[in-house]
Amino acid sequence: MRTLNPTAVLIAVAALGLVAGCGAPAASDTFIATSPGRDRIAVASAGMRNVRVLRVLGGSVVREREVFVPEGEAVAGIAWSDDGRDVIVATRGARLVVDTRSWCVEDASRRTVVDSTQRTRG
């Protein structure tokens, strides 16, 4: 199992202007969750509509994808599924699932696909 390079995390955190955490809100209400395989990081800010998934490659961190929760929702927390396939996003309303293979955002209770390509911030 690959370990997460602390230097790479610090670079990512500094580049994004965030405060490090472990899936719980940091002082700046930023959420950072590390995948079970420790090769990806999900990052989001409380109250915003976007979630960034970063990939750890050696000593570097690269942005893999950015997805958006539906209009009217806002991120309230993030976590990874046990298998590392999905990012679970808690919002003020629904709990959403981001499938990191298809990048579809689904309502966890209904497992219906919602549009993740909207670029409006909430």
N, C-alpha and C. Protein backbone atom coordinates (compact mmCIF):
# COMPACT_ATOMS: atom_id res chain seq x y z
N MET A 1 0.84 -1.17 0.00
CA MET A 1 0.00 0.00 0.00
C MET A 1 0.89 1.25 0.00
N ARG A 2 0.57 2.18 -0.83
CA ARG A 2 1.33 3.42 -0.95
C ARG A 2 0.97 4.35 0.21
N THR A 3 1.98 4.97 0.82
CA THR A 3 1.71 5.93 1.89
C THR A 3 1.61 7.32 1.28
N LEU A 4 0.83 8.13 1.90
CA LEU A 4 0.63 9.49 1.44
C LEU A 4 1.85 10.32 1.81
N ASN A 5 2.43 10.96 0.82
CA ASN A 5 3.60 11.79 1.02
C ASN A 5 3.20 13.08 1.72
N PRO A 6 3.65 13.31 2.96
CA PRO A 6 3.26 14.52 3.69
C PRO A 6 3.67 15.80 2.97
N THR A 7 4.81 15.78 2.29
CA THR A 7 5.25 16.96 1.55
C THR A 7 4.29 17.27 0.43
N ALA A 8 3.82 16.23 -0.28
CA ALA A 8 2.88 16.43 -1.37
C ALA A 8 1.57 17.02 -0.86
N VAL A 9 1.13 16.55 0.30
CA VAL A 9 -0.10 17.09 0.89
C VAL A 9 0.09 18.55 1.23
N LEU A 10 1.22 18.89 1.84
CA LEU A 10 1.48 20.29 2.19
C LEU A 10 1.53 21.17 0.95
N ILE A 11 2.12 20.66 -0.13
CA ILE A 11 2.15 21.41 -1.39
C ILE A 11 0.74 21.66 -1.88
N ALA A 12 -0.09 20.60 -1.87
CA ALA A 12 -1.47 20.74 -2.33
C ALA A 12 -2.24 21.71 -1.47
N VAL A 13 -2.08 21.60 -0.16
CA VAL A 13 -2.79 22.47 0.76
C VAL A 13 -2.35 23.92 0.56
N ALA A 14 -1.06 24.15 0.44
CA ALA A 14 -0.56 25.50 0.23
C ALA A 14 -1.04 26.06 -1.10
N ALA A 15 -1.00 25.22 -2.13
CA ALA A 15 -1.41 25.68 -3.47
C ALA A 15 -2.89 26.04 -3.50
N LEU A 16 -3.69 25.35 -2.74
CA LEU A 16 -5.12 25.63 -2.71
C LEU A 16 -5.49 26.65 -1.64
N GLY A 17 -4.52 27.06 -0.85
CA GLY A 17 -4.79 28.03 0.20
C GLY A 17 -5.67 27.46 1.30
N LEU A 18 -5.45 26.19 1.63
CA LEU A 18 -6.30 25.51 2.60
C LEU A 18 -5.53 25.17 3.86
N VAL A 19 -6.27 24.79 4.88
CA VAL A 19 -5.69 24.32 6.13
C VAL A 19 -5.89 22.81 6.19
N ALA A 20 -4.84 22.05 6.55
CA ALA A 20 -4.92 20.58 6.55
C ALA A 20 -5.90 20.07 7.58
N GLY A 21 -6.54 18.94 7.25
CA GLY A 21 -7.49 18.29 8.13
C GLY A 21 -7.64 16.84 7.71
N CYS A 22 -8.56 16.15 8.30
CA CYS A 22 -8.76 14.73 7.97
C CYS A 22 -10.22 14.44 7.71
N GLY A 23 -10.86 15.17 6.81
CA GLY A 23 -12.25 14.95 6.50
C GLY A 23 -13.19 15.74 7.38
N ALA A 24 -12.67 16.39 8.38
CA ALA A 24 -13.46 17.24 9.26
C ALA A 24 -13.11 18.69 8.95
N PRO A 25 -13.97 19.62 9.28
CA PRO A 25 -13.67 21.00 8.94
C PRO A 25 -12.43 21.51 9.68
N ALA A 26 -11.57 22.21 8.95
CA ALA A 26 -10.41 22.86 9.55
C ALA A 26 -10.86 24.24 10.00
N ALA A 27 -9.93 25.03 10.50
CA ALA A 27 -10.26 26.36 11.01
C ALA A 27 -10.96 27.20 9.95
N SER A 28 -10.62 27.00 8.68
CA SER A 28 -11.21 27.79 7.61
C SER A 28 -12.42 27.09 6.98
N ASP A 29 -13.00 26.10 7.66
CA ASP A 29 -14.13 25.33 7.14
C ASP A 29 -13.81 24.65 5.82
N THR A 30 -12.61 24.11 5.74
CA THR A 30 -12.17 23.34 4.58
C THR A 30 -12.16 21.87 4.96
N PHE A 31 -12.63 21.04 4.05
CA PHE A 31 -12.65 19.59 4.28
C PHE A 31 -11.60 18.94 3.40
N ILE A 32 -10.81 18.05 3.99
CA ILE A 32 -9.82 17.28 3.24
C ILE A 32 -9.96 15.83 3.70
N ALA A 33 -10.17 14.92 2.72
CA ALA A 33 -10.31 13.50 3.04
C ALA A 33 -9.37 12.71 2.14
N THR A 34 -8.63 11.79 2.72
CA THR A 34 -7.67 10.96 1.99
C THR A 34 -8.32 9.62 1.66
N SER A 35 -8.14 9.16 0.41
CA SER A 35 -8.72 7.88 -0.02
C SER A 35 -8.10 6.73 0.76
N PRO A 36 -8.80 5.59 0.85
CA PRO A 36 -8.25 4.43 1.56
C PRO A 36 -6.91 3.96 0.99
N GLY A 37 -6.72 4.09 -0.32
CA GLY A 37 -5.46 3.72 -0.94
C GLY A 37 -4.38 4.77 -0.76
N ARG A 38 -4.76 5.91 -0.17
CA ARG A 38 -3.87 7.03 0.15
C ARG A 38 -3.19 7.61 -1.09
N ASP A 39 -3.82 7.44 -2.26
CA ASP A 39 -3.25 7.99 -3.49
C ASP A 39 -4.09 9.13 -4.04
N ARG A 40 -5.22 9.43 -3.38
CA ARG A 40 -6.07 10.54 -3.81
C ARG A 40 -6.56 11.32 -2.60
N ILE A 41 -6.84 12.59 -2.82
CA ILE A 41 -7.32 13.48 -1.78
C ILE A 41 -8.55 14.20 -2.32
N ALA A 42 -9.62 14.25 -1.55
CA ALA A 42 -10.79 15.05 -1.89
C ALA A 42 -10.74 16.31 -1.04
N VAL A 43 -11.01 17.45 -1.67
CA VAL A 43 -10.93 18.74 -0.99
C VAL A 43 -12.18 19.55 -1.33
N ALA A 44 -12.77 20.17 -0.32
CA ALA A 44 -13.93 21.03 -0.53
C ALA A 44 -13.98 22.07 0.58
N SER A 45 -14.66 23.16 0.30
CA SER A 45 -14.87 24.21 1.30
C SER A 45 -16.33 24.23 1.69
N ALA A 46 -16.59 24.37 2.96
CA ALA A 46 -17.96 24.41 3.46
C ALA A 46 -18.73 25.53 2.79
N GLY A 47 -19.95 25.22 2.36
CA GLY A 47 -20.81 26.23 1.75
C GLY A 47 -20.64 26.40 0.26
N MET A 48 -19.62 25.79 -0.31
CA MET A 48 -19.39 25.90 -1.75
C MET A 48 -20.06 24.73 -2.46
N ARG A 49 -20.03 24.74 -3.80
CA ARG A 49 -20.68 23.69 -4.58
C ARG A 49 -19.69 22.74 -5.24
N ASN A 50 -18.40 23.00 -5.12
CA ASN A 50 -17.43 22.17 -5.84
C ASN A 50 -16.61 21.30 -4.89
N VAL A 51 -16.23 20.12 -5.43
CA VAL A 51 -15.35 19.18 -4.73
C VAL A 51 -14.22 18.86 -5.70
N ARG A 52 -12.98 19.02 -5.25
CA ARG A 52 -11.82 18.69 -6.08
C ARG A 52 -11.25 17.35 -5.63
N VAL A 53 -10.91 16.53 -6.61
CA VAL A 53 -10.23 15.27 -6.33
C VAL A 53 -8.82 15.41 -6.89
N LEU A 54 -7.84 15.25 -6.01
CA LEU A 54 -6.43 15.38 -6.37
C LEU A 54 -5.79 14.01 -6.33
N ARG A 55 -4.85 13.76 -7.21
CA ARG A 55 -4.12 12.48 -7.24
C ARG A 55 -2.69 12.74 -6.79
N VAL A 56 -2.19 11.86 -5.91
CA VAL A 56 -0.82 11.94 -5.42
C VAL A 56 0.03 11.06 -6.33
N LEU A 57 1.00 11.66 -7.01
CA LEU A 57 1.90 10.94 -7.92
C LEU A 57 3.32 11.22 -7.48
N GLY A 58 3.93 10.26 -6.79
CA GLY A 58 5.28 10.47 -6.28
C GLY A 58 5.28 11.63 -5.30
N GLY A 59 6.07 12.64 -5.58
CA GLY A 59 6.13 13.82 -4.72
C GLY A 59 5.24 14.94 -5.19
N SER A 60 4.38 14.67 -6.17
CA SER A 60 3.51 15.70 -6.73
C SER A 60 2.05 15.41 -6.45
N VAL A 61 1.26 16.47 -6.47
CA VAL A 61 -0.19 16.35 -6.37
C VAL A 61 -0.78 17.04 -7.59
N VAL A 62 -1.61 16.33 -8.34
CA VAL A 62 -2.23 16.90 -9.53
C VAL A 62 -3.75 16.86 -9.40
N ARG A 63 -4.41 17.84 -9.96
CA ARG A 63 -5.87 17.88 -9.92
C ARG A 63 -6.41 16.87 -10.92
N GLU A 64 -7.15 15.90 -10.41
CA GLU A 64 -7.71 14.86 -11.26
C GLU A 64 -9.05 15.30 -11.85
N ARG A 65 -9.90 15.89 -11.01
CA ARG A 65 -11.23 16.29 -11.48
C ARG A 65 -11.86 17.23 -10.47
N GLU A 66 -12.77 18.06 -10.95
CA GLU A 66 -13.58 18.90 -10.08
C GLU A 66 -15.03 18.66 -10.45
N VAL A 67 -15.86 18.36 -9.47
CA VAL A 67 -17.28 18.14 -9.70
C VAL A 67 -18.08 19.12 -8.86
N PHE A 68 -19.32 19.32 -9.27
CA PHE A 68 -20.19 20.29 -8.61
C PHE A 68 -21.45 19.60 -8.13
N VAL A 69 -21.90 19.99 -6.93
CA VAL A 69 -23.17 19.48 -6.41
C VAL A 69 -24.29 20.25 -7.08
N PRO A 70 -25.51 19.73 -7.06
CA PRO A 70 -26.63 20.39 -7.75
C PRO A 70 -26.89 21.81 -7.24
N GLU A 71 -27.47 22.61 -8.11
CA GLU A 71 -27.87 23.98 -7.77
C GLU A 71 -28.72 23.96 -6.50
N GLY A 72 -28.45 24.88 -5.58
CA GLY A 72 -29.20 24.96 -4.34
C GLY A 72 -28.59 24.16 -3.19
N GLU A 73 -27.64 23.28 -3.48
CA GLU A 73 -26.96 22.50 -2.45
C GLU A 73 -25.61 23.14 -2.14
N ALA A 74 -25.04 22.82 -0.99
CA ALA A 74 -23.72 23.31 -0.61
C ALA A 74 -23.02 22.23 0.21
N VAL A 75 -21.72 22.11 0.03
CA VAL A 75 -20.93 21.08 0.72
C VAL A 75 -20.91 21.35 2.22
N ALA A 76 -21.19 20.29 2.99
CA ALA A 76 -21.14 20.37 4.45
C ALA A 76 -20.16 19.35 5.03
N GLY A 77 -19.59 18.47 4.17
CA GLY A 77 -18.63 17.48 4.62
C GLY A 77 -18.33 16.51 3.50
N ILE A 78 -17.16 15.84 3.58
CA ILE A 78 -16.78 14.85 2.57
C ILE A 78 -16.09 13.66 3.24
N ALA A 79 -16.15 12.52 2.57
CA ALA A 79 -15.46 11.31 3.03
C ALA A 79 -15.34 10.38 1.83
N TRP A 80 -14.47 9.38 1.93
CA TRP A 80 -14.32 8.37 0.90
C TRP A 80 -15.07 7.11 1.30
N SER A 81 -15.59 6.38 0.32
CA SER A 81 -16.18 5.07 0.59
C SER A 81 -15.06 4.12 0.98
N ASP A 82 -15.40 3.02 1.62
CA ASP A 82 -14.40 2.05 2.08
C ASP A 82 -13.58 1.47 0.93
N ASP A 83 -14.19 1.32 -0.25
CA ASP A 83 -13.47 0.75 -1.39
C ASP A 83 -12.69 1.79 -2.18
N GLY A 84 -12.80 3.07 -1.81
CA GLY A 84 -12.05 4.13 -2.49
C GLY A 84 -12.59 4.51 -3.85
N ARG A 85 -13.75 3.98 -4.20
CA ARG A 85 -14.33 4.28 -5.50
C ARG A 85 -15.13 5.58 -5.49
N ASP A 86 -15.80 5.88 -4.38
CA ASP A 86 -16.71 7.02 -4.31
C ASP A 86 -16.27 8.04 -3.27
N VAL A 87 -16.58 9.30 -3.57
CA VAL A 87 -16.46 10.37 -2.58
C VAL A 87 -17.88 10.65 -2.11
N ILE A 88 -18.10 10.57 -0.81
CA ILE A 88 -19.40 10.84 -0.22
C ILE A 88 -19.41 12.32 0.16
N VAL A 89 -20.44 13.03 -0.31
CA VAL A 89 -20.54 14.46 -0.05
C VAL A 89 -21.83 14.73 0.72
N ALA A 90 -21.67 15.23 1.93
CA ALA A 90 -22.83 15.67 2.71
C ALA A 90 -23.12 17.10 2.31
N THR A 91 -24.38 17.40 2.07
CA THR A 91 -24.79 18.77 1.76
C THR A 91 -25.81 19.21 2.80
N ARG A 92 -26.29 20.41 2.66
CA ARG A 92 -27.32 20.89 3.59
C ARG A 92 -28.59 20.06 3.46
N GLY A 93 -28.78 19.46 2.29
CA GLY A 93 -29.97 18.64 2.05
C GLY A 93 -29.59 17.18 1.91
N ALA A 94 -29.38 16.76 0.69
CA ALA A 94 -29.12 15.35 0.38
C ALA A 94 -27.68 14.95 0.66
N ARG A 95 -27.48 13.63 0.78
CA ARG A 95 -26.14 13.07 0.80
C ARG A 95 -25.89 12.57 -0.62
N LEU A 96 -24.76 12.97 -1.19
CA LEU A 96 -24.45 12.66 -2.58
C LEU A 96 -23.27 11.72 -2.66
N VAL A 97 -23.17 11.00 -3.77
CA VAL A 97 -22.06 10.10 -4.04
C VAL A 97 -21.44 10.50 -5.36
N VAL A 98 -20.12 10.72 -5.37
CA VAL A 98 -19.38 11.00 -6.61
C VAL A 98 -18.65 9.72 -6.99
N ASP A 99 -19.05 9.12 -8.09
CA ASP A 99 -18.40 7.91 -8.61
C ASP A 99 -17.14 8.37 -9.33
N THR A 100 -15.96 8.00 -8.83
CA THR A 100 -14.70 8.50 -9.41
C THR A 100 -14.27 7.75 -10.66
N ARG A 101 -15.10 6.82 -11.12
CA ARG A 101 -14.81 6.17 -12.41
C ARG A 101 -15.58 6.87 -13.53
N SER A 102 -16.83 7.22 -13.27
CA SER A 102 -17.65 7.88 -14.29
C SER A 102 -17.79 9.38 -14.04
N TRP A 103 -17.46 9.84 -12.85
CA TRP A 103 -17.59 11.22 -12.40
C TRP A 103 -19.03 11.70 -12.37
N CYS A 104 -19.96 10.76 -12.23
CA CYS A 104 -21.37 11.10 -12.05
C CYS A 104 -21.60 11.41 -10.58
N VAL A 105 -22.46 12.39 -10.33
CA VAL A 105 -22.87 12.72 -8.97
C VAL A 105 -24.27 12.15 -8.79
N GLU A 106 -24.45 11.31 -7.78
CA GLU A 106 -25.72 10.64 -7.55
C GLU A 106 -26.26 10.97 -6.17
N ASP A 107 -27.57 11.02 -6.05
CA ASP A 107 -28.22 11.15 -4.75
C ASP A 107 -28.08 9.79 -4.06
N ALA A 108 -27.46 9.75 -2.92
CA ALA A 108 -27.19 8.48 -2.24
C ALA A 108 -28.47 7.75 -1.85
N SER A 109 -29.52 8.47 -1.53
CA SER A 109 -30.75 7.80 -1.10
C SER A 109 -31.52 7.22 -2.29
N ARG A 110 -31.40 7.84 -3.45
CA ARG A 110 -32.12 7.35 -4.63
C ARG A 110 -31.20 6.76 -5.67
N ARG A 111 -29.90 7.04 -5.53
CA ARG A 111 -28.89 6.60 -6.50
C ARG A 111 -29.27 7.00 -7.92
N THR A 112 -29.83 8.22 -8.05
CA THR A 112 -30.14 8.75 -9.37
C THR A 112 -29.06 9.73 -9.76
N VAL A 113 -28.72 9.77 -11.02
CA VAL A 113 -27.65 10.62 -11.51
C VAL A 113 -28.15 12.06 -11.60
N VAL A 114 -27.34 13.00 -11.12
CA VAL A 114 -27.62 14.42 -11.27
C VAL A 114 -26.48 15.05 -12.05
N ASP A 115 -26.72 16.20 -12.65
CA ASP A 115 -25.74 16.86 -13.50
C ASP A 115 -24.60 17.44 -12.66
N SER A 116 -23.36 17.02 -12.94
CA SER A 116 -22.20 17.53 -12.18
C SER A 116 -21.37 18.49 -13.02
N THR A 117 -21.87 18.90 -14.17
CA THR A 117 -21.08 19.75 -15.06
C THR A 117 -21.39 21.23 -14.88
N GLN A 118 -22.36 21.59 -14.04
CA GLN A 118 -22.69 22.99 -13.83
C GLN A 118 -21.52 23.71 -13.20
N ARG A 119 -21.25 24.91 -13.64
CA ARG A 119 -20.10 25.65 -13.14
C ARG A 119 -20.45 26.84 -12.27
N THR A 120 -21.69 26.96 -11.86
CA THR A 120 -22.11 28.08 -11.00
C THR A 120 -21.76 27.76 -9.57
N ARG A 121 -21.16 28.70 -8.87
CA ARG A 121 -20.86 28.50 -7.45
C ARG A 121 -22.03 28.99 -6.61
N GLY A 122 -22.24 28.28 -5.48
CA GLY A 122 -23.35 28.65 -4.60
C GLY A 122 -22.90 29.35 -3.38
